[in-house]
Amino acid sequence: MDSANVDSLVSALEGASVSGSGVSFTGKSLKLDTENDAKQVTKEVDNCTNLQFLNLEGNTLGVDACKEIARSLEKHPEFKRALWKDIFTGRLKTEIPQALQYLGEGLVTAGAKLTELDLSDNAFGPIGVEGLASLLRSSSCFALEELKLNNNGLGITGGKLLASALTDCFNCSKENGKPLALKVFIAGRNRLENDGAKALAAVFKMIGTLEEIAMPQNGIYHPGISALSDAFTVNKNLQILNLNDNTIGPKGAEAIASAIASNQKLREINFGDCLLKTKGAVLLAGALKDAHSNLEELNLGFNEIKKEGALRVVEAMANKSKLKKLILDGNQFGEEGKDMIQEKLKDIGKFNVLGSLDDNESEEESEEEGEDEGEDTEEHGSDNEGSEDEQEVISIPSPMKLQFTVKEFLEVPSSSNFLALGPNRTEVILKEAKNTMEASIDEYTRIVMKVSALSTNFNKEVADSSMECADKLYKDLFNWAQEANKISIVNNTLLVNLGLIKSEDKKFKPTWNLDGCLNVLKAIVSKNYIPKSTKDTIGEFMKREIESGKDFSVIKKDILSALSK
């Protein structure tokens, strides 16, 4: 084995290990539901005198197990690296925020100073960011260097919530004397799209210390790419840039080409499958030609680049003494272009860096037609095609802004946004809800649900305030319903929004935490303002649900018990 291969093997082995002192349960496929289940982890954590990291990758943790692990983490202020990839397989989305809150609270209580947080491959969506936000805003993340959220299904909403939390973290850490200096940000396969990318770009621009940005497969088009490019100019230490499988296009390429003049430390660039076309390739080649001496890898595969563009890229590589890999496969050179590219690389002494060209296609489509199609897709393909939960949210207000409206809370009914309404939140929510009562029972009921959903929140202030507000909302609802003779309509609407019967609108699905909603119902169902017909209806449906063996059977038994009293 030659020395180059030995060096490569050593490097790979070092990358696969976890440095420092800590505890690893990676890949053991443990299913930890209860506090007792978690003791096999907490025993190791408690016995580790210098817990630098905890690796739980490839196991599945429930809320109670996370609560128990959090208690053990409270004893370790030296903790630095939370390696928690793929730890929620098979868990309800409503469980994950609370589980994350427990784990985060454990680290905050310990006074830990995280340098790495890896929650990749946990498909928790925007609701997971809510559970994570308190930790990100805390002093435990002021020294964070690596944030890895790959394949979390964040969507536009989650991207904005994440940006809001990181903004607050930066501002608070700056006030504390040492601004957040994030080095690695990884968030591939998250459907961030333009709006999510723009929100995060603003954060990158603020931080300015990033060395690696990886955001592949996010449905980002040239408006989002342009915003990111603007942020790249501030992050002058950027070394790894991966935007694979987004639609950079010629317009985005123009923005990036202009920006990367500020990024002379770039070692790896991955713009594969980004619809650059020949024009985009030429622009990038021009930006790279007389600079970027540290470049080691360039991936421009599958971009509909024709011979002219590829040759310009090759010419730009002539002075790259550190270049190890050039990927141009999957483009449109034709056989003649393929031969010319190979000959050109031989001439400049870099034939060995070229990857396979087996998927090279012929130059059939005219350049003008190709560019037009790309521009049309960029203009219209992204901004209006998010998932339902993404389209509902127009803007994500920061919990730290001074003026905050109920409407903003109802758009994003998170615990942090609830607290941001201030100490008079119950009164302002009641006022807003009363304005909707006569116009729409549905709308009023959804306000009740969004508030009730927070009653099981980890934060006691949130839970108590949610319960108080929901109680008053229910009281006003039933007092009005009895006066207006609409009890039966209210009963039916409640059942729909609690997920107990199907709505006539087949697209409707409760998006709130039903566990919290049922928790409030348990607390208020025996009160005098609840009509007998409502109690009877709820009791009947609770019995049916318990007999069917569906989720939340324990709390449904509690509701039946409360009704019997």
Protein backbone atom coordinates (compact mmCIF):
# COMPACT_ATOMS: atom_id res chain seq x y z
CA MET A 1 0.00 0.00 0.00
CA ASP A 2 1.52 3.38 -1.01
CA SER A 3 1.82 6.33 1.39
CA ALA A 4 -1.07 8.24 -0.22
CA ASN A 5 -3.44 5.31 0.40
CA VAL A 6 -2.19 4.93 3.96
CA ASP A 7 -2.81 8.63 4.61
CA SER A 8 -6.29 8.32 3.12
CA LEU A 9 -7.11 5.30 5.30
CA VAL A 10 -5.87 7.00 8.46
CA SER A 11 -7.89 10.09 7.65
CA ALA A 12 -11.05 8.01 7.11
CA LEU A 13 -10.59 6.18 10.39
CA GLU A 14 -10.05 9.42 12.27
CA GLY A 15 -13.23 10.86 10.73
CA ALA A 16 -15.24 7.83 11.85
CA SER A 17 -14.18 8.10 15.49
CA VAL A 18 -15.45 10.45 18.19
CA SER A 19 -12.61 12.30 19.87
CA GLY A 20 -12.47 13.12 23.56
CA SER A 21 -13.95 11.42 26.59
CA GLY A 22 -17.59 10.46 26.61
CA VAL A 23 -20.29 7.82 26.18
CA SER A 24 -21.47 6.22 22.94
CA PHE A 25 -24.49 4.02 22.28
CA THR A 26 -24.34 4.52 18.53
CA GLY A 27 -26.12 1.91 16.41
CA LYS A 28 -27.39 -0.24 19.29
CA SER A 29 -31.06 0.08 18.16
CA LEU A 30 -32.28 0.58 21.73
CA LYS A 31 -35.94 1.48 22.27
CA LEU A 32 -36.02 3.67 25.35
CA ASP A 33 -39.56 4.58 26.38
CA THR A 34 -39.62 4.89 30.16
CA GLU A 35 -37.31 6.43 32.75
CA ASN A 36 -36.35 2.91 33.76
CA ASP A 37 -35.44 2.04 30.15
CA ALA A 38 -33.08 5.02 30.10
CA LYS A 39 -31.08 3.83 33.09
CA GLN A 40 -28.76 1.78 30.87
CA VAL A 41 -27.70 5.12 29.36
CA THR A 42 -27.75 7.21 32.55
CA LYS A 43 -25.63 4.66 34.39
CA GLU A 44 -22.84 5.17 31.85
CA VAL A 45 -23.33 8.95 31.85
CA ASP A 46 -23.23 9.11 35.67
CA ASN A 47 -20.05 7.01 35.78
CA CYS A 48 -18.20 9.14 33.21
CA THR A 49 -16.07 11.64 35.11
CA ASN A 50 -15.34 13.77 32.03
CA LEU A 51 -18.38 13.61 29.75
CA GLN A 52 -17.29 15.57 26.68
CA PHE A 53 -19.82 13.89 24.37
CA LEU A 54 -22.90 11.65 24.37
CA ASN A 55 -23.57 9.73 21.13
CA LEU A 56 -27.10 8.28 20.94
CA GLU A 57 -27.28 7.81 17.16
CA GLY A 58 -29.44 4.97 15.89
CA ASN A 59 -31.58 4.49 19.00
CA THR A 60 -35.13 5.73 19.65
CA LEU A 61 -35.97 7.80 22.72
CA GLY A 62 -39.35 8.65 24.22
CA VAL A 63 -40.24 11.67 26.34
CA ASP A 64 -39.78 9.95 29.70
CA ALA A 65 -36.46 8.45 28.67
CA CYS A 66 -35.21 11.89 27.60
CA LYS A 67 -36.36 13.32 30.91
CA GLU A 68 -34.25 10.75 32.78
CA ILE A 69 -31.21 11.29 30.55
CA ALA A 70 -31.57 15.05 31.05
CA ARG A 71 -31.32 14.56 34.83
CA SER A 72 -27.97 12.85 34.36
CA LEU A 73 -26.74 15.53 31.97
CA GLU A 74 -27.44 18.15 34.65
CA LYS A 75 -24.36 16.85 36.51
CA HIS A 76 -21.95 17.48 33.62
CA PRO A 77 -21.05 21.15 33.05
CA GLU A 78 -18.04 19.94 31.00
CA PHE A 79 -20.36 18.51 28.30
CA LYS A 80 -19.61 19.83 24.78
CA ARG A 81 -20.91 17.56 22.01
CA ALA A 82 -24.52 16.39 21.66
CA LEU A 83 -24.36 13.68 18.95
CA TRP A 84 -28.04 12.88 18.64
CA LYS A 85 -28.65 11.82 15.05
CA ASP A 86 -31.60 9.52 14.33
CA ILE A 87 -32.96 9.25 17.90
CA PHE A 88 -36.70 9.64 17.34
CA THR A 89 -37.60 6.89 14.85
CA GLY A 90 -41.20 5.79 15.35
CA ARG A 91 -42.04 8.66 17.71
CA LEU A 92 -45.06 10.94 17.37
CA LYS A 93 -44.19 14.43 16.20
CA THR A 94 -45.97 15.79 19.26
CA GLU A 95 -43.57 13.90 21.53
CA ILE A 96 -40.38 15.24 20.01
CA PRO A 97 -40.57 18.92 21.08
CA GLN A 98 -41.05 17.92 24.71
CA ALA A 99 -38.23 15.37 24.49
CA LEU A 100 -35.92 18.03 23.04
CA GLN A 101 -36.99 20.49 25.72
CA TYR A 102 -36.04 18.04 28.47
CA LEU A 103 -32.64 17.33 26.93
CA GLY A 104 -31.98 21.03 26.37
CA GLU A 105 -33.06 21.94 29.89
CA GLY A 106 -30.63 19.36 31.26
CA LEU A 107 -27.75 21.02 29.43
CA VAL A 108 -28.82 24.51 30.49
CA THR A 109 -29.13 23.45 34.13
CA ALA A 110 -25.65 21.93 33.96
CA GLY A 111 -24.23 25.16 32.55
CA ALA A 112 -22.78 23.17 29.64
CA LYS A 113 -21.15 25.03 26.75
CA LEU A 114 -21.90 23.11 23.56
CA THR A 115 -19.48 23.18 20.67
CA GLU A 116 -21.38 20.64 18.51
CA LEU A 117 -25.08 19.84 18.19
CA ASP A 118 -26.04 17.13 15.69
CA LEU A 119 -29.74 16.28 15.35
CA SER A 120 -29.62 15.10 11.73
CA ASP A 121 -32.00 12.42 10.41
CA ASN A 122 -34.72 13.25 12.90
CA ALA A 123 -37.78 14.14 10.81
CA PHE A 124 -39.32 16.44 13.40
CA GLY A 125 -40.32 19.29 11.07
CA PRO A 126 -41.08 22.85 12.26
CA ILE A 127 -42.57 21.61 15.54
CA GLY A 128 -39.20 20.13 16.47
CA VAL A 129 -37.51 23.51 16.12
CA GLU A 130 -39.93 24.81 18.73
CA GLY A 131 -38.62 22.23 21.19
CA LEU A 132 -35.05 23.06 20.22
CA ALA A 133 -35.39 26.85 20.26
CA SER A 134 -35.00 27.32 24.03
CA LEU A 135 -31.67 25.52 23.97
CA LEU A 136 -30.44 27.47 20.94
CA ARG A 137 -31.30 30.75 22.62
CA SER A 138 -29.60 29.80 25.89
CA SER A 139 -26.03 30.45 27.06
CA SER A 140 -25.34 26.74 26.47
CA CYS A 141 -25.12 27.54 22.74
CA PHE A 142 -23.10 30.76 22.93
CA ALA A 143 -19.92 28.78 22.10
CA LEU A 144 -21.54 26.54 19.46
CA GLU A 145 -19.23 25.83 16.51
CA GLU A 146 -21.06 23.07 14.61
CA LEU A 147 -24.81 22.84 14.01
CA LYS A 148 -25.97 19.84 11.99
CA LEU A 149 -29.65 19.58 11.08
CA ASN A 150 -29.55 17.43 7.97
CA ASN A 151 -32.78 15.75 6.83
CA ASN A 152 -35.11 17.16 9.49
CA GLY A 153 -38.01 18.20 7.24
CA LEU A 154 -37.82 21.77 8.55
CA GLY A 155 -39.65 23.40 5.65
CA ILE A 156 -39.90 27.17 5.26
CA THR A 157 -41.52 27.55 8.67
CA GLY A 158 -38.83 25.57 10.45
CA GLY A 159 -36.11 27.47 8.61
CA LYS A 160 -37.53 30.78 9.78
CA LEU A 161 -37.97 29.58 13.35
CA LEU A 162 -34.38 28.33 13.33
CA ALA A 163 -33.14 31.66 11.97
CA SER A 164 -35.05 33.50 14.69
CA ALA A 165 -33.51 31.35 17.45
CA LEU A 166 -29.98 31.72 16.06
CA THR A 167 -30.44 35.48 15.73
CA ASP A 168 -31.41 35.71 19.39
CA CYS A 169 -28.47 33.48 20.33
CA PHE A 170 -26.06 35.74 18.45
CA ASN A 171 -27.45 38.92 19.97
CA CYS A 172 -27.45 37.56 23.52
CA SER A 173 -23.96 36.08 23.18
CA LYS A 174 -22.72 39.39 21.82
CA GLU A 175 -24.14 41.20 24.82
CA ASN A 176 -22.39 38.60 26.97
CA GLY A 177 -19.04 39.65 25.49
CA LYS A 178 -18.32 36.91 22.97
CA PRO A 179 -20.57 36.65 19.88
CA LEU A 180 -21.65 33.26 18.54
CA ALA A 181 -18.88 32.11 16.15
CA LEU A 182 -20.50 29.23 14.29
CA LYS A 183 -18.11 27.42 11.92
CA VAL A 184 -20.19 24.56 10.46
CA PHE A 185 -23.82 24.74 9.35
CA ILE A 186 -25.37 21.66 7.73
CA ALA A 187 -29.04 21.57 6.78
CA GLY A 188 -29.55 19.46 3.66
CA ARG A 189 -32.84 17.86 2.57
CA ASN A 190 -35.05 20.27 4.52
CA ARG A 191 -37.30 21.91 1.88
CA LEU A 192 -36.16 25.36 3.04
CA GLU A 193 -36.91 26.94 -0.35
CA ASN A 194 -36.30 30.64 -1.02
CA ASP A 195 -37.88 32.09 2.11
CA GLY A 196 -36.12 29.68 4.46
CA ALA A 197 -32.81 30.29 2.69
CA LYS A 198 -33.26 34.06 2.91
CA ALA A 199 -33.96 33.89 6.64
CA LEU A 200 -30.84 31.80 7.26
CA ALA A 201 -28.74 33.95 4.93
CA ALA A 202 -29.46 36.93 7.19
CA VAL A 203 -28.11 34.90 10.12
CA PHE A 204 -24.97 33.84 8.19
CA LYS A 205 -24.33 37.47 7.29
CA MET A 206 -24.63 38.47 10.93
CA ILE A 207 -22.33 35.70 12.22
CA GLY A 208 -19.56 35.96 9.59
CA THR A 209 -17.41 33.08 10.91
CA LEU A 210 -18.67 30.11 8.88
CA GLU A 211 -16.16 27.71 7.36
CA GLU A 212 -18.61 25.11 6.01
CA ILE A 213 -22.12 25.62 4.65
CA ALA A 214 -23.96 22.57 3.32
CA MET A 215 -27.57 23.05 2.18
CA PRO A 216 -28.17 20.47 -0.59
CA GLN A 217 -31.65 19.44 -1.80
CA ASN A 218 -33.63 22.36 -0.41
CA GLY A 219 -35.59 23.61 -3.43
CA ILE A 220 -33.76 26.95 -3.41
CA TYR A 221 -33.96 29.05 -6.59
CA HIS A 222 -32.04 32.15 -7.63
CA PRO A 223 -33.71 34.62 -5.17
CA GLY A 224 -32.61 32.44 -2.25
CA ILE A 225 -29.23 31.75 -3.88
CA SER A 226 -28.65 35.49 -4.28
CA ALA A 227 -29.40 36.09 -0.59
CA LEU A 228 -26.99 33.31 0.41
CA SER A 229 -24.33 34.69 -1.94
CA ASP A 230 -24.56 38.05 -0.23
CA ALA A 231 -23.90 36.27 3.08
CA PHE A 232 -20.91 34.38 1.64
CA THR A 233 -19.06 37.66 1.09
CA VAL A 234 -19.02 38.27 4.86
CA ASN A 235 -17.86 34.74 5.72
CA LYS A 236 -14.33 35.10 4.40
CA ASN A 237 -13.09 31.87 6.03
CA LEU A 238 -15.55 29.73 4.04
CA GLN A 239 -13.82 26.51 2.94
CA ILE A 240 -16.63 24.07 2.06
CA LEU A 241 -19.72 25.12 0.09
CA ASN A 242 -22.35 22.53 -0.87
CA LEU A 243 -25.53 23.64 -2.63
CA ASN A 244 -26.02 20.40 -4.57
CA ASP A 245 -29.46 19.77 -6.11
CA ASN A 246 -30.84 23.28 -5.75
CA THR A 247 -31.69 25.42 -8.79
CA ILE A 248 -28.85 27.92 -8.94
CA GLY A 249 -29.32 28.55 -12.67
CA PRO A 250 -27.48 31.26 -14.62
CA LYS A 251 -28.95 34.05 -12.46
CA GLY A 252 -27.85 32.40 -9.24
CA ALA A 253 -24.46 31.62 -10.77
CA GLU A 254 -23.98 35.31 -11.50
CA ALA A 255 -24.59 36.15 -7.82
CA ILE A 256 -22.29 33.39 -6.58
CA ALA A 257 -19.53 34.24 -9.06
CA SER A 258 -19.54 37.79 -7.80
CA ALA A 259 -19.57 36.71 -4.15
CA ILE A 260 -16.86 34.06 -4.06
CA ALA A 261 -14.16 36.57 -4.86
CA SER A 262 -14.32 37.12 -1.08
CA ASN A 263 -13.91 33.40 -0.36
CA GLN A 264 -10.29 32.69 -1.27
CA LYS A 265 -10.03 29.85 1.25
CA LEU A 266 -12.55 27.63 -0.55
CA ARG A 267 -11.39 24.00 -0.74
CA GLU A 268 -14.58 22.21 -1.84
CA ILE A 269 -17.39 23.47 -4.06
CA ASN A 270 -20.37 21.23 -4.84
CA PHE A 271 -22.85 22.73 -7.31
CA GLY A 272 -23.84 19.39 -8.85
CA ASP A 273 -27.35 19.07 -10.32
CA CYS A 274 -28.04 22.82 -10.00
CA LEU A 275 -29.16 23.61 -13.59
CA LEU A 276 -26.22 25.97 -14.11
CA LYS A 277 -26.26 25.53 -17.89
CA THR A 278 -23.37 26.74 -20.03
CA LYS A 279 -23.81 30.39 -19.07
CA GLY A 280 -23.60 29.60 -15.36
CA ALA A 281 -20.52 27.43 -15.85
CA VAL A 282 -18.76 30.21 -17.78
CA LEU A 283 -19.54 32.71 -15.01
CA LEU A 284 -18.14 30.41 -12.33
CA ALA A 285 -15.07 29.60 -14.39
CA GLY A 286 -14.37 33.30 -14.72
CA ALA A 287 -14.63 33.77 -10.95
CA LEU A 288 -12.30 30.83 -10.22
CA LYS A 289 -9.73 31.29 -12.98
CA ASP A 290 -7.15 33.61 -11.45
CA ALA A 291 -7.72 32.89 -7.76
CA HIS A 292 -8.79 30.21 -5.26
CA SER A 293 -5.44 28.46 -5.07
CA ASN A 294 -6.66 26.22 -2.22
CA LEU A 295 -9.37 24.53 -4.32
CA GLU A 296 -9.28 20.74 -3.98
CA GLU A 297 -12.70 19.60 -5.26
CA LEU A 298 -15.15 21.04 -7.77
CA ASN A 299 -18.43 19.29 -8.61
CA LEU A 300 -20.40 20.67 -11.57
CA GLY A 301 -21.99 17.39 -12.64
CA PHE A 302 -25.49 17.13 -14.18
CA ASN A 303 -25.92 20.81 -15.00
CA GLU A 304 -26.75 20.80 -18.75
CA ILE A 305 -23.35 22.34 -19.45
CA LYS A 306 -22.20 22.14 -23.06
CA LYS A 307 -18.69 21.86 -24.47
CA GLU A 308 -17.89 25.58 -24.38
CA GLY A 309 -18.73 25.91 -20.68
CA ALA A 310 -16.84 22.76 -19.70
CA LEU A 311 -13.68 23.87 -21.52
CA ARG A 312 -13.79 27.22 -19.75
CA VAL A 313 -14.04 25.39 -16.40
CA VAL A 314 -11.06 23.18 -17.29
CA GLU A 315 -9.01 26.24 -18.26
CA ALA A 316 -9.80 27.77 -14.87
CA MET A 317 -8.30 24.71 -13.15
CA ALA A 318 -4.87 25.09 -14.75
CA ASN A 319 -3.35 26.94 -11.80
CA LYS A 320 -5.02 24.87 -9.05
CA SER A 321 -2.03 22.96 -7.66
CA LYS A 322 -4.08 21.34 -4.88
CA LEU A 323 -6.93 20.10 -7.09
CA LYS A 324 -7.78 16.44 -6.43
CA LYS A 325 -11.23 15.98 -7.96
CA LEU A 326 -13.16 17.54 -10.85
CA ILE A 327 -16.66 16.21 -11.55
CA LEU A 328 -18.21 17.13 -14.91
CA ASP A 329 -20.24 13.97 -15.60
CA GLY A 330 -23.89 14.16 -16.64
CA ASN A 331 -23.52 17.22 -18.86
CA GLN A 332 -23.93 17.72 -22.62
CA PHE A 333 -20.51 17.69 -24.29
CA GLY A 334 -21.02 14.99 -26.90
CA GLU A 335 -18.18 12.63 -27.83
CA GLU A 336 -16.18 15.38 -29.48
CA GLY A 337 -16.46 17.61 -26.41
CA LYS A 338 -15.55 14.71 -24.13
CA ASP A 339 -12.32 14.15 -26.09
CA MET A 340 -11.49 17.85 -26.04
CA ILE A 341 -12.00 18.07 -22.26
CA GLN A 342 -9.75 15.06 -21.65
CA GLU A 343 -7.05 16.42 -23.97
CA LYS A 344 -7.18 19.83 -22.30
CA LEU A 345 -6.74 18.27 -18.85
CA LYS A 346 -3.77 16.26 -20.13
CA ASP A 347 -2.21 19.46 -21.47
CA ILE A 348 -2.42 21.16 -18.07
CA GLY A 349 -1.28 18.02 -16.22
CA LYS A 350 -4.56 17.36 -14.44
CA PHE A 351 -6.09 14.40 -16.27
CA ASN A 352 -5.91 12.32 -13.07
CA VAL A 353 -8.43 14.58 -11.23
CA LEU A 354 -11.24 14.04 -13.75
CA GLY A 355 -14.07 11.80 -12.67
CA SER A 356 -16.07 9.53 -14.99
CA LEU A 357 -17.78 11.00 -18.06
CA ASP A 358 -19.95 7.94 -18.70
CA ASP A 359 -23.21 9.94 -18.41
CA ASN A 360 -22.12 12.59 -20.90
CA GLU A 361 -24.94 13.48 -23.34
CA SER A 362 -24.88 15.01 -26.81
CA GLU A 363 -25.37 18.72 -27.56
CA GLU A 364 -28.90 18.50 -28.93
CA GLU A 365 -30.86 21.33 -27.31
CA SER A 366 -30.05 24.90 -28.38
CA GLU A 367 -28.46 27.08 -25.70
CA GLU A 368 -31.10 29.78 -26.02
CA GLU A 369 -33.98 27.36 -25.42
CA GLY A 370 -32.18 25.83 -22.46
CA GLU A 371 -31.55 29.17 -20.81
CA ASP A 372 -35.13 30.29 -21.28
CA GLU A 373 -36.46 27.16 -19.66
CA GLY A 374 -34.11 27.60 -16.73
CA GLU A 375 -35.10 31.22 -16.21
CA ASP A 376 -38.80 30.38 -16.33
CA THR A 377 -38.39 27.64 -13.75
CA GLU A 378 -36.44 29.94 -11.49
CA GLU A 379 -39.06 32.65 -11.62
CA HIS A 380 -42.08 30.47 -11.01
CA GLY A 381 -41.08 27.07 -9.71
CA SER A 382 -40.35 27.59 -6.04
CA ASP A 383 -42.08 30.35 -4.21
CA ASN A 384 -45.61 29.00 -4.41
CA GLU A 385 -45.05 25.30 -4.10
CA GLY A 386 -44.33 24.67 -0.41
CA SER A 387 -46.18 22.17 1.73
CA GLU A 388 -49.43 23.20 3.43
CA ASP A 389 -47.81 24.02 6.77
CA GLU A 390 -45.21 26.16 5.02
CA GLN A 391 -47.73 28.22 3.05
CA GLU A 392 -49.71 29.11 6.19
CA VAL A 393 -46.86 31.16 7.65
CA ILE A 394 -46.03 34.44 5.99
CA SER A 395 -43.54 35.73 8.55
CA ILE A 396 -42.04 34.37 11.72
CA PRO A 397 -41.82 37.04 14.43
CA SER A 398 -38.90 36.92 16.81
CA PRO A 399 -39.90 36.19 20.43
CA MET A 400 -37.65 39.06 21.48
CA LYS A 401 -39.40 41.78 19.53
CA LEU A 402 -41.05 44.38 21.77
CA GLN A 403 -44.47 44.58 20.11
CA PHE A 404 -46.19 41.30 19.48
CA THR A 405 -49.77 40.63 18.38
CA VAL A 406 -52.15 37.77 19.04
CA LYS A 407 -52.49 37.27 15.30
CA GLU A 408 -48.75 36.65 15.05
CA PHE A 409 -48.97 34.11 17.88
CA LEU A 410 -51.88 32.33 16.17
CA GLU A 411 -49.85 32.10 12.95
CA VAL A 412 -47.06 30.34 14.85
CA PRO A 413 -48.49 29.14 18.21
CA SER A 414 -45.18 28.20 19.83
CA SER A 415 -44.37 28.43 23.52
CA SER A 416 -41.83 31.20 22.97
CA ASN A 417 -44.34 33.26 20.96
CA PHE A 418 -46.97 32.67 23.66
CA LEU A 419 -44.63 34.04 26.34
CA ALA A 420 -43.77 36.99 24.11
CA LEU A 421 -47.40 38.21 24.37
CA GLY A 422 -46.48 39.38 27.87
CA PRO A 423 -48.12 39.01 31.29
CA ASN A 424 -51.55 40.06 29.98
CA ARG A 425 -51.61 37.34 27.33
CA THR A 426 -54.88 35.83 28.61
CA GLU A 427 -56.73 39.12 28.31
CA VAL A 428 -55.46 39.96 24.82
CA ILE A 429 -56.20 36.44 23.53
CA LEU A 430 -59.73 36.55 24.99
CA LYS A 431 -60.34 39.90 23.32
CA GLU A 432 -59.15 38.62 19.94
CA ALA A 433 -61.17 35.41 20.28
CA LYS A 434 -64.42 37.22 21.14
CA ASN A 435 -64.14 39.18 17.91
CA THR A 436 -64.30 35.90 15.97
CA MET A 437 -66.99 34.10 17.99
CA GLU A 438 -70.13 35.17 16.19
CA ALA A 439 -68.47 35.21 12.78
CA SER A 440 -66.92 31.75 13.01
CA ILE A 441 -67.26 29.07 15.69
CA ASP A 442 -64.60 27.12 13.80
CA GLU A 443 -62.10 29.95 14.10
CA TYR A 444 -62.83 30.48 17.78
CA THR A 445 -62.45 26.78 18.51
CA ARG A 446 -59.10 26.68 16.73
CA ILE A 447 -57.88 29.51 18.95
CA VAL A 448 -58.91 27.39 21.95
CA MET A 449 -56.97 24.42 20.54
CA LYS A 450 -53.81 26.40 19.81
CA VAL A 451 -53.75 27.75 23.36
CA SER A 452 -54.69 24.39 24.95
CA ALA A 453 -51.95 22.60 23.01
CA LEU A 454 -49.36 24.35 25.19
CA SER A 455 -50.76 23.02 28.48
CA THR A 456 -48.31 20.10 28.55
CA ASN A 457 -45.31 22.31 27.77
CA PHE A 458 -42.07 21.68 29.65
CA ASN A 459 -42.00 25.34 30.78
CA LYS A 460 -44.28 25.67 33.85
CA GLU A 461 -45.14 29.30 33.11
CA VAL A 462 -46.30 28.33 29.62
CA ALA A 463 -48.30 25.32 30.86
CA ASP A 464 -50.02 27.19 33.70
CA SER A 465 -50.81 30.25 31.62
CA SER A 466 -52.12 28.07 28.79
CA MET A 467 -54.45 26.23 31.19
CA GLU A 468 -55.77 29.48 32.67
CA CYS A 469 -56.39 31.06 29.28
CA ALA A 470 -58.02 27.93 27.81
CA ASP A 471 -60.36 27.64 30.80
CA LYS A 472 -61.62 31.20 30.24
CA LEU A 473 -61.92 30.65 26.49
CA TYR A 474 -64.07 27.55 27.06
CA LYS A 475 -66.23 29.38 29.60
CA ASP A 476 -66.91 32.25 27.18
CA LEU A 477 -67.60 29.78 24.36
CA PHE A 478 -70.23 27.78 26.26
CA ASN A 479 -71.89 30.84 27.82
CA TRP A 480 -72.29 32.30 24.34
CA ALA A 481 -73.41 28.97 22.84
CA GLN A 482 -76.19 28.54 25.41
CA GLU A 483 -77.47 32.08 24.86
CA ALA A 484 -77.33 31.65 21.07
CA ASN A 485 -78.80 28.13 21.23
CA LYS A 486 -75.81 26.66 19.35
CA ILE A 487 -74.60 24.00 21.79
CA SER A 488 -74.95 21.18 19.26
CA ILE A 489 -72.85 23.07 16.68
CA VAL A 490 -70.17 23.80 19.29
CA ASN A 491 -70.13 20.15 20.38
CA ASN A 492 -69.61 18.97 16.82
CA THR A 493 -66.88 21.54 16.17
CA LEU A 494 -65.05 20.48 19.34
CA LEU A 495 -65.09 16.83 18.32
CA VAL A 496 -63.66 17.69 14.90
CA ASN A 497 -60.87 19.85 16.30
CA LEU A 498 -59.99 17.23 18.93
CA GLY A 499 -59.59 14.71 16.13
CA LEU A 500 -62.46 12.53 17.41
CA ILE A 501 -64.59 12.77 14.28
CA LYS A 502 -63.78 13.65 10.68
CA SER A 503 -64.47 17.10 9.31
CA GLU A 504 -66.69 17.67 6.29
CA ASP A 505 -63.65 19.40 4.88
CA LYS A 506 -61.64 16.31 3.90
CA LYS A 507 -58.40 18.31 3.78
CA PHE A 508 -58.68 19.39 7.43
CA LYS A 509 -56.37 17.79 9.96
CA PRO A 510 -55.63 19.05 13.50
CA THR A 511 -52.10 20.48 13.48
CA TRP A 512 -51.91 21.16 17.21
CA ASN A 513 -50.70 19.00 20.09
CA LEU A 514 -53.81 16.90 20.89
CA ASP A 515 -52.25 15.67 24.11
CA GLY A 516 -52.28 19.24 25.43
CA CYS A 517 -55.84 19.81 24.19
CA LEU A 518 -57.07 16.68 25.98
CA ASN A 519 -55.16 17.71 29.09
CA VAL A 520 -57.17 20.95 29.25
CA LEU A 521 -60.39 19.04 28.57
CA LYS A 522 -59.66 16.79 31.55
CA ALA A 523 -59.25 19.85 33.78
CA ILE A 524 -62.44 21.69 32.73
CA VAL A 525 -64.90 18.97 31.70
CA SER A 526 -66.52 18.67 35.14
CA LYS A 527 -67.01 22.43 35.59
CA ASN A 528 -70.48 23.90 35.91
CA TYR A 529 -70.27 25.99 32.74
CA ILE A 530 -69.99 22.84 30.61
CA PRO A 531 -73.52 21.86 29.46
CA LYS A 532 -74.78 18.35 30.24
CA SER A 533 -75.18 17.54 26.54
CA THR A 534 -71.52 18.39 25.98
CA LYS A 535 -70.43 16.19 28.90
CA ASP A 536 -72.53 13.30 27.63
CA THR A 537 -71.17 13.69 24.09
CA ILE A 538 -67.55 13.84 25.24
CA GLY A 539 -68.06 10.87 27.56
CA GLU A 540 -69.49 8.76 24.77
CA PHE A 541 -66.60 9.51 22.43
CA MET A 542 -64.00 8.89 25.12
CA LYS A 543 -65.45 5.40 25.66
CA ARG A 544 -65.33 4.66 21.94
CA GLU A 545 -61.73 5.83 21.63
CA ILE A 546 -60.57 3.78 24.62
CA GLU A 547 -62.29 0.68 23.28
CA SER A 548 -60.65 1.22 19.88
CA GLY A 549 -57.19 1.22 21.49
CA LYS A 550 -56.11 4.49 19.85
CA ASP A 551 -53.44 6.85 21.19
CA PHE A 552 -53.93 8.91 24.39
CA SER A 553 -56.05 6.16 26.03
CA VAL A 554 -54.65 7.05 29.48
CA ILE A 555 -55.74 10.68 29.34
CA LYS A 556 -59.09 9.64 27.90
CA LYS A 557 -59.63 7.43 30.93
CA ASP A 558 -58.78 10.42 33.08
CA ILE A 559 -61.38 12.49 31.23
CA LEU A 560 -64.01 9.80 31.85
CA SER A 561 -63.02 9.72 35.49
CA ALA A 562 -63.39 13.51 35.73
CA LEU A 563 -66.84 13.29 34.12
CA SER A 564 -67.98 10.70 36.66
CA LYS A 565 -67.19 13.11 39.48
